[in-house]
Amino acid sequence: DRCGGCSWQHLRYDAQLQAKQRSVDDALRRIGKMAEYEL
């Protein structure tokens, strides 16, 4: 609650992994306008 290091430690690890995969896919589609690739 004080350290600025591990800001996702309140999340289960499987939820962290899901969010990270989604952040990569979202950036590629939204910023890069990428489509039709294997994630």
Full PDB file with SEQRES, HELIX, SHEET, SSBOND, CRYST1, ORIGX, SCALE, CONECT and MASTER records, all heavy atoms in Angstrom:
SEQRES   1 A   39  ASP ARG CYS GLY GLY CYS SER TRP GLN HIS LEU ARG TYR          
SEQRES   2 A   39  ASP ALA GLN LEU GLN ALA LYS GLN ARG SER VAL ASP ASP          
SEQRES   3 A   39  ALA LEU ARG ARG ILE GLY LYS MET ALA GLU TYR GLU LEU          
HELIX    1 AA1 TYR A   13  ARG A   30  1                                  18    
CRYST1    1.000    1.000    1.000  90.00  90.00  90.00 P 1           1          
ORIGX1      1.000000  0.000000  0.000000        0.00000                         
ORIGX2      0.000000  1.000000  0.000000        0.00000                         
ORIGX3      0.000000  0.000000  1.000000        0.00000                         
SCALE1      1.000000  0.000000  0.000000        0.00000                         
SCALE2      0.000000  1.000000  0.000000        0.00000                         
SCALE3      0.000000  0.000000  1.000000        0.00000                         
ATOM      1  N   ASP A   1       0.806  -1.219   0.000  1.00  0.00           N  
ATOM      2  CA  ASP A   1       0.000   0.000   0.000  1.00  0.00           C  
ATOM      3  C   ASP A   1       0.841   1.272   0.000  1.00  0.00           C  
ATOM      4  O   ASP A   1       0.312   2.374  -0.137  1.00  0.00           O  
ATOM      5  CB  ASP A   1      -0.958   0.009   1.196  1.00  0.00           C  
ATOM      6  CG  ASP A   1      -0.235  -0.040   2.539  1.00  0.00           C  
ATOM      7  OD1 ASP A   1       0.968  -0.382   2.548  1.00  0.00           O  
ATOM      8  OD2 ASP A   1      -0.866   0.251   3.571  1.00  0.00           O  
ATOM      9  N   ARG A   2       2.189   1.125   0.110  1.00  0.00           N  
ATOM     10  CA  ARG A   2       3.072   2.298   0.122  1.00  0.00           C  
ATOM     11  C   ARG A   2       4.063   2.291  -1.042  1.00  0.00           C  
ATOM     12  O   ARG A   2       4.348   3.323  -1.630  1.00  0.00           O  
ATOM     13  CB  ARG A   2       3.844   2.356   1.440  1.00  0.00           C  
ATOM     14  CG  ARG A   2       2.964   2.668   2.650  1.00  0.00           C  
ATOM     15  CD  ARG A   2       3.761   2.473   3.935  1.00  0.00           C  
ATOM     16  NE  ARG A   2       3.978   1.063   4.218  1.00  0.00           N  
ATOM     17  CZ  ARG A   2       4.965   0.596   4.976  1.00  0.00           C  
ATOM     18  NH1 ARG A   2       5.864   1.441   5.468  1.00  0.00           N  
ATOM     19  NH2 ARG A   2       5.088  -0.692   5.199  1.00  0.00           N  
ATOM     20  N   CYS A   3       4.611   1.139  -1.372  1.00  0.00           N  
ATOM     21  CA  CYS A   3       5.640   1.028  -2.405  1.00  0.00           C  
ATOM     22  C   CYS A   3       5.019   1.187  -3.791  1.00  0.00           C  
ATOM     23  O   CYS A   3       3.920   0.699  -4.052  1.00  0.00           O  
ATOM     24  CB  CYS A   3       6.329  -0.333  -2.283  1.00  0.00           C  
ATOM     25  SG  CYS A   3       7.540  -0.675  -3.579  1.00  0.00           S  
ATOM     26  N   GLY A   4       5.745   1.840  -4.676  1.00  0.00           N  
ATOM     27  CA  GLY A   4       5.237   2.045  -6.039  1.00  0.00           C  
ATOM     28  C   GLY A   4       5.659   0.972  -7.013  1.00  0.00           C  
ATOM     29  O   GLY A   4       5.475   1.133  -8.220  1.00  0.00           O  
ATOM     30  N   GLY A   5       6.238  -0.138  -6.519  1.00  0.00           N  
ATOM     31  CA  GLY A   5       6.802  -1.144  -7.414  1.00  0.00           C  
ATOM     32  C   GLY A   5       5.792  -2.088  -8.028  1.00  0.00           C  
ATOM     33  O   GLY A   5       5.577  -2.096  -9.236  1.00  0.00           O  
ATOM     34  N   CYS A   6       5.135  -2.895  -7.222  1.00  0.00           N  
ATOM     35  CA  CYS A   6       4.270  -3.983  -7.729  1.00  0.00           C  
ATOM     36  C   CYS A   6       2.811  -3.560  -7.689  1.00  0.00           C  
ATOM     37  O   CYS A   6       2.053  -3.978  -6.811  1.00  0.00           O  
ATOM     38  CB  CYS A   6       4.478  -5.253  -6.907  1.00  0.00           C  
ATOM     39  SG  CYS A   6       6.157  -5.893  -6.967  1.00  0.00           S  
ATOM     40  N   SER A   7       2.399  -2.744  -8.639  1.00  0.00           N  
ATOM     41  CA  SER A   7       1.060  -2.144  -8.584  1.00  0.00           C  
ATOM     42  C   SER A   7      -0.060  -3.125  -8.895  1.00  0.00           C  
ATOM     43  O   SER A   7      -1.235  -2.792  -8.728  1.00  0.00           O  
ATOM     44  CB  SER A   7       0.983  -0.956  -9.545  1.00  0.00           C  
ATOM     45  OG  SER A   7       1.251  -1.362 -10.876  1.00  0.00           O  
ATOM     46  N   TRP A   8       0.269  -4.347  -9.347  1.00  0.00           N  
ATOM     47  CA  TRP A   8      -0.760  -5.345  -9.643  1.00  0.00           C  
ATOM     48  C   TRP A   8      -0.752  -6.513  -8.648  1.00  0.00           C  
ATOM     49  O   TRP A   8      -1.339  -7.551  -8.915  1.00  0.00           O  
ATOM     50  CB  TRP A   8      -0.563  -5.897 -11.060  1.00  0.00           C  
ATOM     51  CG  TRP A   8      -1.130  -5.006 -12.135  1.00  0.00           C  
ATOM     52  CD1 TRP A   8      -1.553  -3.721 -12.004  1.00  0.00           C  
ATOM     53  CD2 TRP A   8      -1.343  -5.358 -13.502  1.00  0.00           C  
ATOM     54  NE1 TRP A   8      -2.001  -3.246 -13.212  1.00  0.00           N  
ATOM     55  CE2 TRP A   8      -1.888  -4.231 -14.154  1.00  0.00           C  
ATOM     56  CE3 TRP A   8      -1.114  -6.518 -14.247  1.00  0.00           C  
ATOM     57  CZ2 TRP A   8      -2.206  -4.225 -15.503  1.00  0.00           C  
ATOM     58  CZ3 TRP A   8      -1.427  -6.509 -15.596  1.00  0.00           C  
ATOM     59  CH2 TRP A   8      -1.976  -5.381 -16.220  1.00  0.00           C  
ATOM     60  N   GLN A   9      -0.121  -6.355  -7.513  1.00  0.00           N  
ATOM     61  CA  GLN A   9      -0.013  -7.479  -6.597  1.00  0.00           C  
ATOM     62  C   GLN A   9      -1.353  -7.859  -5.966  1.00  0.00           C  
ATOM     63  O   GLN A   9      -1.492  -8.945  -5.397  1.00  0.00           O  
ATOM     64  CB  GLN A   9       1.005  -7.163  -5.501  1.00  0.00           C  
ATOM     65  CG  GLN A   9       1.669  -8.400  -4.913  1.00  0.00           C  
ATOM     66  CD  GLN A   9       2.712  -8.071  -3.895  1.00  0.00           C  
ATOM     67  OE1 GLN A   9       2.448  -8.133  -2.704  1.00  0.00           O  
ATOM     68  NE2 GLN A   9       3.898  -7.710  -4.348  1.00  0.00           N  
ATOM     69  N   HIS A  10      -2.346  -6.985  -6.098  1.00  0.00           N  
ATOM     70  CA  HIS A  10      -3.679  -7.298  -5.578  1.00  0.00           C  
ATOM     71  C   HIS A  10      -4.487  -8.156  -6.553  1.00  0.00           C  
ATOM     72  O   HIS A  10      -5.632  -8.519  -6.249  1.00  0.00           O  
ATOM     73  CB  HIS A  10      -4.446  -6.000  -5.294  1.00  0.00           C  
ATOM     74  CG  HIS A  10      -4.716  -5.178  -6.518  1.00  0.00           C  
ATOM     75  ND1 HIS A  10      -3.715  -4.589  -7.256  1.00  0.00           N  
ATOM     76  CD2 HIS A  10      -5.882  -4.863  -7.152  1.00  0.00           C  
ATOM     77  CE1 HIS A  10      -4.250  -3.929  -8.278  1.00  0.00           C  
ATOM     78  NE2 HIS A  10      -5.558  -4.090  -8.238  1.00  0.00           N  
ATOM     79  N   LEU A  11      -3.905  -8.482  -7.707  1.00  0.00           N  
ATOM     80  CA  LEU A  11      -4.582  -9.298  -8.724  1.00  0.00           C  
ATOM     81  C   LEU A  11      -4.025 -10.714  -8.717  1.00  0.00           C  
ATOM     82  O   LEU A  11      -2.805 -10.905  -8.609  1.00  0.00           O  
ATOM     83  CB  LEU A  11      -4.369  -8.698 -10.117  1.00  0.00           C  
ATOM     84  CG  LEU A  11      -5.036  -7.363 -10.412  1.00  0.00           C  
ATOM     85  CD1 LEU A  11      -4.416  -6.750 -11.651  1.00  0.00           C  
ATOM     86  CD2 LEU A  11      -6.527  -7.554 -10.602  1.00  0.00           C  
ATOM     87  N   ARG A  12      -4.903 -11.693  -8.876  1.00  0.00           N  
ATOM     88  CA  ARG A  12      -4.437 -13.068  -9.061  1.00  0.00           C  
ATOM     89  C   ARG A  12      -3.556 -13.127 -10.307  1.00  0.00           C  
ATOM     90  O   ARG A  12      -3.773 -12.394 -11.273  1.00  0.00           O  
ATOM     91  CB  ARG A  12      -5.622 -14.023  -9.231  1.00  0.00           C  
ATOM     92  CG  ARG A  12      -6.461 -14.230  -7.991  1.00  0.00           C  
ATOM     93  CD  ARG A  12      -7.295 -15.521  -8.106  1.00  0.00           C  
ATOM     94  NE  ARG A  12      -7.626 -15.866  -9.471  1.00  0.00           N  
ATOM     95  CZ  ARG A  12      -8.843 -15.769 -10.004  1.00  0.00           C  
ATOM     96  NH1 ARG A  12      -9.849 -15.302  -9.299  1.00  0.00           N  
ATOM     97  NH2 ARG A  12      -9.052 -16.133 -11.258  1.00  0.00           N  
ATOM     98  N   TYR A  13      -2.579 -14.046 -10.304  1.00  0.00           N  
ATOM     99  CA  TYR A  13      -1.617 -14.060 -11.403  1.00  0.00           C  
ATOM    100  C   TYR A  13      -2.278 -14.397 -12.734  1.00  0.00           C  
ATOM    101  O   TYR A  13      -1.905 -13.851 -13.775  1.00  0.00           O  
ATOM    102  CB  TYR A  13      -0.465 -15.023 -11.099  1.00  0.00           C  
ATOM    103  CG  TYR A  13       0.666 -14.915 -12.099  1.00  0.00           C  
ATOM    104  CD1 TYR A  13       1.195 -13.675 -12.452  1.00  0.00           C  
ATOM    105  CD2 TYR A  13       1.191 -16.041 -12.714  1.00  0.00           C  
ATOM    106  CE1 TYR A  13       2.216 -13.557 -13.382  1.00  0.00           C  
ATOM    107  CE2 TYR A  13       2.217 -15.944 -13.638  1.00  0.00           C  
ATOM    108  CZ  TYR A  13       2.725 -14.694 -13.979  1.00  0.00           C  
ATOM    109  OH  TYR A  13       3.731 -14.591 -14.908  1.00  0.00           O  
ATOM    110  N   ASP A  14      -3.272 -15.289 -12.739  1.00  0.00           N  
ATOM    111  CA  ASP A  14      -3.936 -15.604 -14.000  1.00  0.00           C  
ATOM    112  C   ASP A  14      -4.643 -14.378 -14.575  1.00  0.00           C  
ATOM    113  O   ASP A  14      -4.670 -14.168 -15.793  1.00  0.00           O  
ATOM    114  CB  ASP A  14      -4.914 -16.772 -13.834  1.00  0.00           C  
ATOM    115  CG  ASP A  14      -6.017 -16.492 -12.825  1.00  0.00           C  
ATOM    116  OD1 ASP A  14      -5.812 -15.669 -11.902  1.00  0.00           O  
ATOM    117  OD2 ASP A  14      -7.097 -17.107 -12.942  1.00  0.00           O  
ATOM    118  N   ALA A  15      -5.176 -13.511 -13.708  1.00  0.00           N  
ATOM    119  CA  ALA A  15      -5.816 -12.278 -14.177  1.00  0.00           C  
ATOM    120  C   ALA A  15      -4.776 -11.300 -14.730  1.00  0.00           C  
ATOM    121  O   ALA A  15      -5.032 -10.593 -15.711  1.00  0.00           O  
ATOM    122  CB  ALA A  15      -6.595 -11.629 -13.034  1.00  0.00           C  
ATOM    123  N   GLN A  16      -3.602 -11.269 -14.116  1.00  0.00           N  
ATOM    124  CA  GLN A  16      -2.522 -10.430 -14.643  1.00  0.00           C  
ATOM    125  C   GLN A  16      -2.147 -10.862 -16.057  1.00  0.00           C  
ATOM    126  O   GLN A  16      -1.980 -10.024 -16.951  1.00  0.00           O  
ATOM    127  CB  GLN A  16      -1.296 -10.523 -13.739  1.00  0.00           C  
ATOM    128  CG  GLN A  16      -1.480  -9.966 -12.340  1.00  0.00           C  
ATOM    129  CD  GLN A  16      -0.216 -10.112 -11.508  1.00  0.00           C  
ATOM    130  OE1 GLN A  16       0.890 -10.063 -12.029  1.00  0.00           O  
ATOM    131  NE2 GLN A  16      -0.375 -10.297 -10.202  1.00  0.00           N  
ATOM    132  N   LEU A  17      -1.996 -12.160 -16.252  1.00  0.00           N  
ATOM    133  CA  LEU A  17      -1.606 -12.668 -17.570  1.00  0.00           C  
ATOM    134  C   LEU A  17      -2.656 -12.338 -18.626  1.00  0.00           C  
ATOM    135  O   LEU A  17      -2.322 -11.941 -19.747  1.00  0.00           O  
ATOM    136  CB  LEU A  17      -1.374 -14.180 -17.497  1.00  0.00           C  
ATOM    137  CG  LEU A  17      -0.177 -14.634 -16.664  1.00  0.00           C  
ATOM    138  CD1 LEU A  17      -0.157 -16.156 -16.545  1.00  0.00           C  
ATOM    139  CD2 LEU A  17       1.138 -14.135 -17.261  1.00  0.00           C  
ATOM    140  N   GLN A  18      -3.925 -12.506 -18.271  1.00  0.00           N  
ATOM    141  CA  GLN A  18      -4.995 -12.171 -19.212  1.00  0.00           C  
ATOM    142  C   GLN A  18      -4.933 -10.692 -19.603  1.00  0.00           C  
ATOM    143  O   GLN A  18      -5.073 -10.334 -20.782  1.00  0.00           O  
ATOM    144  CB  GLN A  18      -6.352 -12.487 -18.586  1.00  0.00           C  
ATOM    145  CG  GLN A  18      -6.629 -13.964 -18.385  1.00  0.00           C  
ATOM    146  CD  GLN A  18      -7.847 -14.206 -17.502  1.00  0.00           C  
ATOM    147  OE1 GLN A  18      -8.592 -13.274 -17.187  1.00  0.00           O  
ATOM    148  NE2 GLN A  18      -8.045 -15.456 -17.087  1.00  0.00           N  
ATOM    149  N   ALA A  19      -4.711  -9.830 -18.615  1.00  0.00           N  
ATOM    150  CA  ALA A  19      -4.670  -8.393 -18.882  1.00  0.00           C  
ATOM    151  C   ALA A  19      -3.470  -8.022 -19.745  1.00  0.00           C  
ATOM    152  O   ALA A  19      -3.566  -7.155 -20.633  1.00  0.00           O  
ATOM    153  CB  ALA A  19      -4.637  -7.625 -17.559  1.00  0.00           C  
ATOM    154  N   LYS A  20      -2.336  -8.662 -19.521  1.00  0.00           N  
ATOM    155  CA  LYS A  20      -1.145  -8.351 -20.311  1.00  0.00           C  
ATOM    156  C   LYS A  20      -1.315  -8.790 -21.764  1.00  0.00           C  
ATOM    157  O   LYS A  20      -0.927  -8.075 -22.688  1.00  0.00           O  
ATOM    158  CB  LYS A  20       0.080  -9.011 -19.673  1.00  0.00           C  
ATOM    159  CG  LYS A  20       0.444  -8.394 -18.329  1.00  0.00           C  
ATOM    160  CD  LYS A  20       1.699  -9.000 -17.736  1.00  0.00           C  
ATOM    161  CE  LYS A  20       1.951  -8.414 -16.356  1.00  0.00           C  
ATOM    162  NZ  LYS A  20       3.303  -8.664 -15.852  1.00  0.00           N  
ATOM    163  N   GLN A  21      -1.878  -9.969 -21.952  1.00  0.00           N  
ATOM    164  CA  GLN A  21      -2.112 -10.411 -23.322  1.00  0.00           C  
ATOM    165  C   GLN A  21      -3.065  -9.451 -24.037  1.00  0.00           C  
ATOM    166  O   GLN A  21      -2.844  -9.090 -25.196  1.00  0.00           O  
ATOM    167  CB  GLN A  21      -2.686 -11.832 -23.326  1.00  0.00           C  
ATOM    168  CG  GLN A  21      -3.098 -12.313 -24.709  1.00  0.00           C  
ATOM    169  CD  GLN A  21      -2.763 -13.763 -24.948  1.00  0.00           C  
ATOM    170  OE1 GLN A  21      -1.909 -14.346 -24.293  1.00  0.00           O  
ATOM    171  NE2 GLN A  21      -3.446 -14.366 -25.899  1.00  0.00           N  
ATOM    172  N   ARG A  22      -4.102  -9.023 -23.316  1.00  0.00           N  
ATOM    173  CA  ARG A  22      -5.072  -8.101 -23.911  1.00  0.00           C  
ATOM    174  C   ARG A  22      -4.436  -6.751 -24.213  1.00  0.00           C  
ATOM    175  O   ARG A  22      -4.749  -6.120 -25.229  1.00  0.00           O  
ATOM    176  CB  ARG A  22      -6.265  -7.936 -22.968  1.00  0.00           C  
ATOM    177  CG  ARG A  22      -7.411  -7.121 -23.545  1.00  0.00           C  
ATOM    178  CD  ARG A  22      -8.689  -7.284 -22.740  1.00  0.00           C  
ATOM    179  NE  ARG A  22      -8.467  -7.041 -21.326  1.00  0.00           N  
ATOM    180  CZ  ARG A  22      -8.521  -7.975 -20.376  1.00  0.00           C  
ATOM    181  NH1 ARG A  22      -8.801  -9.227 -20.691  1.00  0.00           N  
ATOM    182  NH2 ARG A  22      -8.309  -7.668 -19.109  1.00  0.00           N  
ATOM    183  N   SER A  23      -3.491  -6.278 -23.362  1.00  0.00           N  
ATOM    184  CA  SER A  23      -2.865  -4.973 -23.610  1.00  0.00           C  
ATOM    185  C   SER A  23      -2.012  -4.999 -24.870  1.00  0.00           C  
ATOM    186  O   SER A  23      -1.958  -4.018 -25.617  1.00  0.00           O  
ATOM    187  CB  SER A  23      -2.035  -4.542 -22.402  1.00  0.00           C  
ATOM    188  OG  SER A  23      -0.861  -5.310 -22.261  1.00  0.00           O  
ATOM    189  N   VAL A  24      -1.343  -6.126 -25.131  1.00  0.00           N  
ATOM    190  CA  VAL A  24      -0.560  -6.251 -26.364  1.00  0.00           C  
ATOM    191  C   VAL A  24      -1.489  -6.232 -27.581  1.00  0.00           C  
ATOM    192  O   VAL A  24      -1.270  -5.492 -28.548  1.00  0.00           O  
ATOM    193  CB  VAL A  24       0.290  -7.535 -26.347  1.00  0.00           C  
ATOM    194  CG1 VAL A  24       0.953  -7.767 -27.700  1.00  0.00           C  
ATOM    195  CG2 VAL A  24       1.350  -7.464 -25.250  1.00  0.00           C  
ATOM    196  N   ASP A  25      -2.525  -7.045 -27.538  1.00  0.00           N  
ATOM    197  CA  ASP A  25      -3.468  -7.134 -28.657  1.00  0.00           C  
ATOM    198  C   ASP A  25      -4.159  -5.797 -28.897  1.00  0.00           C  
ATOM    199  O   ASP A  25      -4.303  -5.345 -30.041  1.00  0.00           O  
ATOM    200  CB  ASP A  25      -4.487  -8.229 -28.358  1.00  0.00           C  
ATOM    201  CG  ASP A  25      -5.314  -8.608 -29.569  1.00  0.00           C  
ATOM    202  OD1 ASP A  25      -4.765  -8.640 -30.690  1.00  0.00           O  
ATOM    203  OD2 ASP A  25      -6.518  -8.878 -29.409  1.00  0.00           O  
ATOM    204  N   ASP A  26      -4.551  -5.134 -27.809  1.00  0.00           N  
ATOM    205  CA  ASP A  26      -5.246  -3.846 -27.933  1.00  0.00           C  
ATOM    206  C   ASP A  26      -4.349  -2.797 -28.579  1.00  0.00           C  
ATOM    207  O   ASP A  26      -4.792  -2.042 -29.468  1.00  0.00           O  
ATOM    208  CB  ASP A  26      -5.704  -3.375 -26.552  1.00  0.00           C  
ATOM    209  CG  ASP A  26      -6.358  -2.012 -26.610  1.00  0.00           C  
ATOM    210  OD1 ASP A  26      -7.448  -1.889 -27.198  1.00  0.00           O  
ATOM    211  OD2 ASP A  26      -5.769  -1.045 -26.075  1.00  0.00           O  
ATOM    212  N   ALA A  27      -3.083  -2.729 -28.163  1.00  0.00           N  
ATOM    213  CA  ALA A  27      -2.162  -1.735 -28.737  1.00  0.00           C  
ATOM    214  C   ALA A  27      -1.943  -1.987 -30.222  1.00  0.00           C  
ATOM    215  O   ALA A  27      -1.940  -1.050 -31.024  1.00  0.00           O  
ATOM    216  CB  ALA A  27      -0.828  -1.759 -27.986  1.00  0.00           C  
ATOM    217  N   LEU A  28      -1.784  -3.243 -30.603  1.00  0.00           N  
ATOM    218  CA  LEU A  28      -1.536  -3.560 -32.007  1.00  0.00           C  
ATOM    219  C   LEU A  28      -2.736  -3.203 -32.878  1.00  0.00           C  
ATOM    220  O   LEU A  28      -2.584  -2.682 -33.985  1.00  0.00           O  
ATOM    221  CB  LEU A  28      -1.192  -5.036 -32.166  1.00  0.00           C  
ATOM    222  CG  LEU A  28       0.145  -5.461 -31.557  1.00  0.00           C  
ATOM    223  CD1 LEU A  28       0.297  -6.976 -31.620  1.00  0.00           C  
ATOM    224  CD2 LEU A  28       1.311  -4.784 -32.257  1.00  0.00           C  
ATOM    225  N   ARG A  29      -3.923  -3.455 -32.380  1.00  0.00           N  
ATOM    226  CA  ARG A  29      -5.125  -3.180 -33.172  1.00  0.00           C  
ATOM    227  C   ARG A  29      -5.509  -1.702 -33.137  1.00  0.00           C  
ATOM    228  O   ARG A  29      -5.878  -1.120 -34.163  1.00  0.00           O  
ATOM    229  CB  ARG A  29      -6.287  -4.042 -32.672  1.00  0.00           C  
ATOM    230  CG  ARG A  29      -6.048  -5.530 -32.905  1.00  0.00           C  
ATOM    231  CD  ARG A  29      -7.212  -6.399 -32.454  1.00  0.00           C  
ATOM    232  NE  ARG A  29      -6.891  -7.819 -32.620  1.00  0.00           N  
ATOM    233  CZ  ARG A  29      -6.979  -8.494 -33.756  1.00  0.00           C  
ATOM    234  NH1 ARG A  29      -7.407  -7.872 -34.847  1.00  0.00           N  
ATOM    235  NH2 ARG A  29      -6.667  -9.779 -33.805  1.00  0.00           N  
ATOM    236  N   ARG A  30      -5.403  -1.076 -31.956  1.00  0.00           N  
ATOM    237  CA  ARG A  30      -5.863   0.305 -31.807  1.00  0.00           C  
ATOM    238  C   ARG A  30      -4.824   1.306 -32.304  1.00  0.00           C  
ATOM    239  O   ARG A  30      -5.151   2.254 -33.020  1.00  0.00           O  
ATOM    240  CB  ARG A  30      -6.204   0.567 -30.335  1.00  0.00           C  
ATOM    241  CG  ARG A  30      -6.734   1.959 -30.033  1.00  0.00           C  
ATOM    242  CD  ARG A  30      -7.160   2.059 -28.568  1.00  0.00           C  
ATOM    243  NE  ARG A  30      -6.119   1.590 -27.676  1.00  0.00           N  
ATOM    244  CZ  ARG A  30      -5.103   2.342 -27.256  1.00  0.00           C  
ATOM    245  NH1 ARG A  30      -4.972   3.585 -27.668  1.00  0.00           N  
ATOM    246  NH2 ARG A  30      -4.204   1.849 -26.428  1.00  0.00           N  
ATOM    247  N   ILE A  31      -3.565   1.125 -31.926  1.00  0.00           N  
ATOM    248  CA  ILE A  31      -2.510   2.070 -32.309  1.00  0.00           C  
ATOM    249  C   ILE A  31      -1.908   1.697 -33.670  1.00  0.00           C  
ATOM    250  O   ILE A  31      -1.720   2.544 -34.537  1.00  0.00           O  
ATOM    251  CB  ILE A  31      -1.406   2.118 -31.237  1.00  0.00           C  
ATOM    252  CG1 ILE A  31      -1.979   2.579 -29.889  1.00  0.00           C  
ATOM    253  CG2 ILE A  31      -0.264   3.038 -31.674  1.00  0.00           C  
ATOM    254  CD1 ILE A  31      -1.002   2.474 -28.733  1.00  0.00           C  
ATOM    255  N   GLY A  32      -1.611   0.409 -33.834  1.00  0.00           N  
ATOM    256  CA  GLY A  32      -0.941  -0.026 -35.052  1.00  0.00           C  
ATOM    257  C   GLY A  32      -1.856  -0.352 -36.206  1.00  0.00           C  
ATOM    258  O   GLY A  32      -1.388  -0.547 -37.334  1.00  0.00           O  
ATOM    259  N   LYS A  33      -3.182  -0.435 -35.937  1.00  0.00           N  
ATOM    260  CA  LYS A  33      -4.158  -0.800 -36.976  1.00  0.00           C  
ATOM    261  C   LYS A  33      -3.796  -2.152 -37.598  1.00  0.00           C  
ATOM    262  O   LYS A  33      -4.010  -2.380 -38.796  1.00  0.00           O  
ATOM    263  CB  LYS A  33      -4.246   0.273 -38.070  1.00  0.00           C  
ATOM    264  CG  LYS A  33      -4.432   1.688 -37.549  1.00  0.00           C  
ATOM    265  CD  LYS A  33      -5.668   1.836 -36.668  1.00  0.00           C  
ATOM    266  CE  LYS A  33      -5.825   3.264 -36.169  1.00  0.00           C  
ATOM    267  NZ  LYS A  33      -6.929   3.390 -35.179  1.00  0.00           N  
ATOM    268  N   MET A  34      -3.266  -3.054 -36.774  1.00  0.00           N  
ATOM    269  CA  MET A  34      -2.911  -4.395 -37.226  1.00  0.00           C  
ATOM    270  C   MET A  34      -4.134  -5.310 -37.179  1.00  0.00           C  
ATOM    271  O   MET A  34      -5.027  -5.125 -36.341  1.00  0.00           O  
ATOM    272  CB  MET A  34      -1.820  -4.992 -36.332  1.00  0.00           C  
ATOM    273  CG  MET A  34      -0.524  -4.200 -36.242  1.00  0.00           C  
ATOM    274  SD  MET A  34       0.520  -4.424 -37.688  1.00  0.00           S  
ATOM    275  CE  MET A  34       0.460  -2.795 -38.401  1.00  0.00           C  
ATOM    276  N   ALA A  35      -4.155  -6.304 -38.048  1.00  0.00           N  
ATOM    277  CA  ALA A  35      -5.246  -7.281 -38.061  1.00  0.00           C  
ATOM    278  C   ALA A  35      -4.732  -8.570 -38.686  1.00  0.00           C  
ATOM    279  O   ALA A  35      -3.670  -8.600 -39.321  1.00  0.00           O  
ATOM    280  CB  ALA A  35      -6.443  -6.740 -38.852  1.00  0.00           C  
ATOM    281  N   GLU A  36      -5.470  -9.645 -38.470  1.00  0.00           N  
ATOM    282  CA  GLU A  36      -5.197 -10.941 -39.105  1.00  0.00           C  
ATOM    283  C   GLU A  36      -3.798 -11.460 -38.784  1.00  0.00           C  
ATOM    284  O   GLU A  36      -3.041 -11.857 -39.664  1.00  0.00           O  
ATOM    285  CB  GLU A  36      -5.393 -10.834 -40.625  1.00  0.00           C  
ATOM    286  CG  GLU A  36      -6.818 -10.493 -41.023  1.00  0.00           C  
ATOM    287  CD  GLU A  36      -6.980 -10.396 -42.533  1.00  0.00           C  
ATOM    288  OE1 GLU A  36      -5.989 -10.635 -43.257  1.00  0.00           O  
ATOM    289  OE2 GLU A  36      -8.100 -10.098 -42.989  1.00  0.00           O  
ATOM    290  N   TYR A  37      -3.440 -11.428 -37.518  1.00  0.00           N  
ATOM    291  CA  TYR A  37      -2.177 -12.030 -37.083  1.00  0.00           C  
ATOM    292  C   TYR A  37      -2.494 -13.059 -36.003  1.00  0.00           C  
ATOM    293  O   TYR A  37      -3.554 -13.040 -35.377  1.00  0.00           O  
ATOM    294  CB  TYR A  37      -1.215 -10.960 -36.535  1.00  0.00           C  
ATOM    295  CG  TYR A  37      -1.792 -10.108 -35.424  1.00  0.00           C  
ATOM    296  CD1 TYR A  37      -1.740 -10.528 -34.094  1.00  0.00           C  
ATOM    297  CD2 TYR A  37      -2.379  -8.878 -35.705  1.00  0.00           C  
ATOM    298  CE1 TYR A  37      -2.273  -9.749 -33.087  1.00  0.00           C  
ATOM    299  CE2 TYR A  37      -2.914  -8.098 -34.703  1.00  0.00           C  
ATOM    300  CZ  TYR A  37      -2.856  -8.534 -33.393  1.00  0.00           C  
ATOM    301  OH  TYR A  37      -3.386  -7.771 -32.397  1.00  0.00           O  
ATOM    302  N   GLU A  38      -1.560 -13.965 -35.797  1.00  0.00           N  
ATOM    303  CA  GLU A  38      -1.725 -14.975 -34.754  1.00  0.00           C  
ATOM    304  C   GLU A  38      -1.242 -14.405 -33.426  1.00  0.00           C  
ATOM    305  O   GLU A  38      -0.076 -14.034 -33.294  1.00  0.00           O  
ATOM    306  CB  GLU A  38      -0.918 -16.229 -35.093  1.00  0.00           C  
ATOM    307  CG  GLU A  38      -1.017 -17.304 -34.009  1.00  0.00           C  
ATOM    308  CD  GLU A  38      -0.045 -18.453 -34.221  1.00  0.00           C  
ATOM    309  OE1 GLU A  38       0.777 -18.382 -35.163  1.00  0.00           O  
ATOM    310  OE2 GLU A  38      -0.086 -19.410 -33.434  1.00  0.00           O  
ATOM    311  N   LEU A  39      -2.126 -14.327 -32.453  1.00  0.00           N  
ATOM    312  CA  LEU A  39      -1.748 -13.919 -31.100  1.00  0.00           C  
ATOM    313  C   LEU A  39      -1.603 -15.192 -30.267  1.00  0.00           C  
ATOM    314  O   LEU A  39      -2.590 -15.834 -29.931  1.00  0.00           O  
ATOM    315  CB  LEU A  39      -2.799 -12.992 -30.492  1.00  0.00           C  
ATOM    316  CG  LEU A  39      -2.523 -12.519 -29.067  1.00  0.00           C  
ATOM    317  CD1 LEU A  39      -1.272 -11.627 -29.021  1.00  0.00           C  
ATOM    318  CD2 LEU A  39      -3.727 -11.772 -28.495  1.00  0.00           C  
TER     319      LEU A  39                                                      
MASTER        0    0    0    1    0    0    0    6  318    1    0    3          
END                                                                             
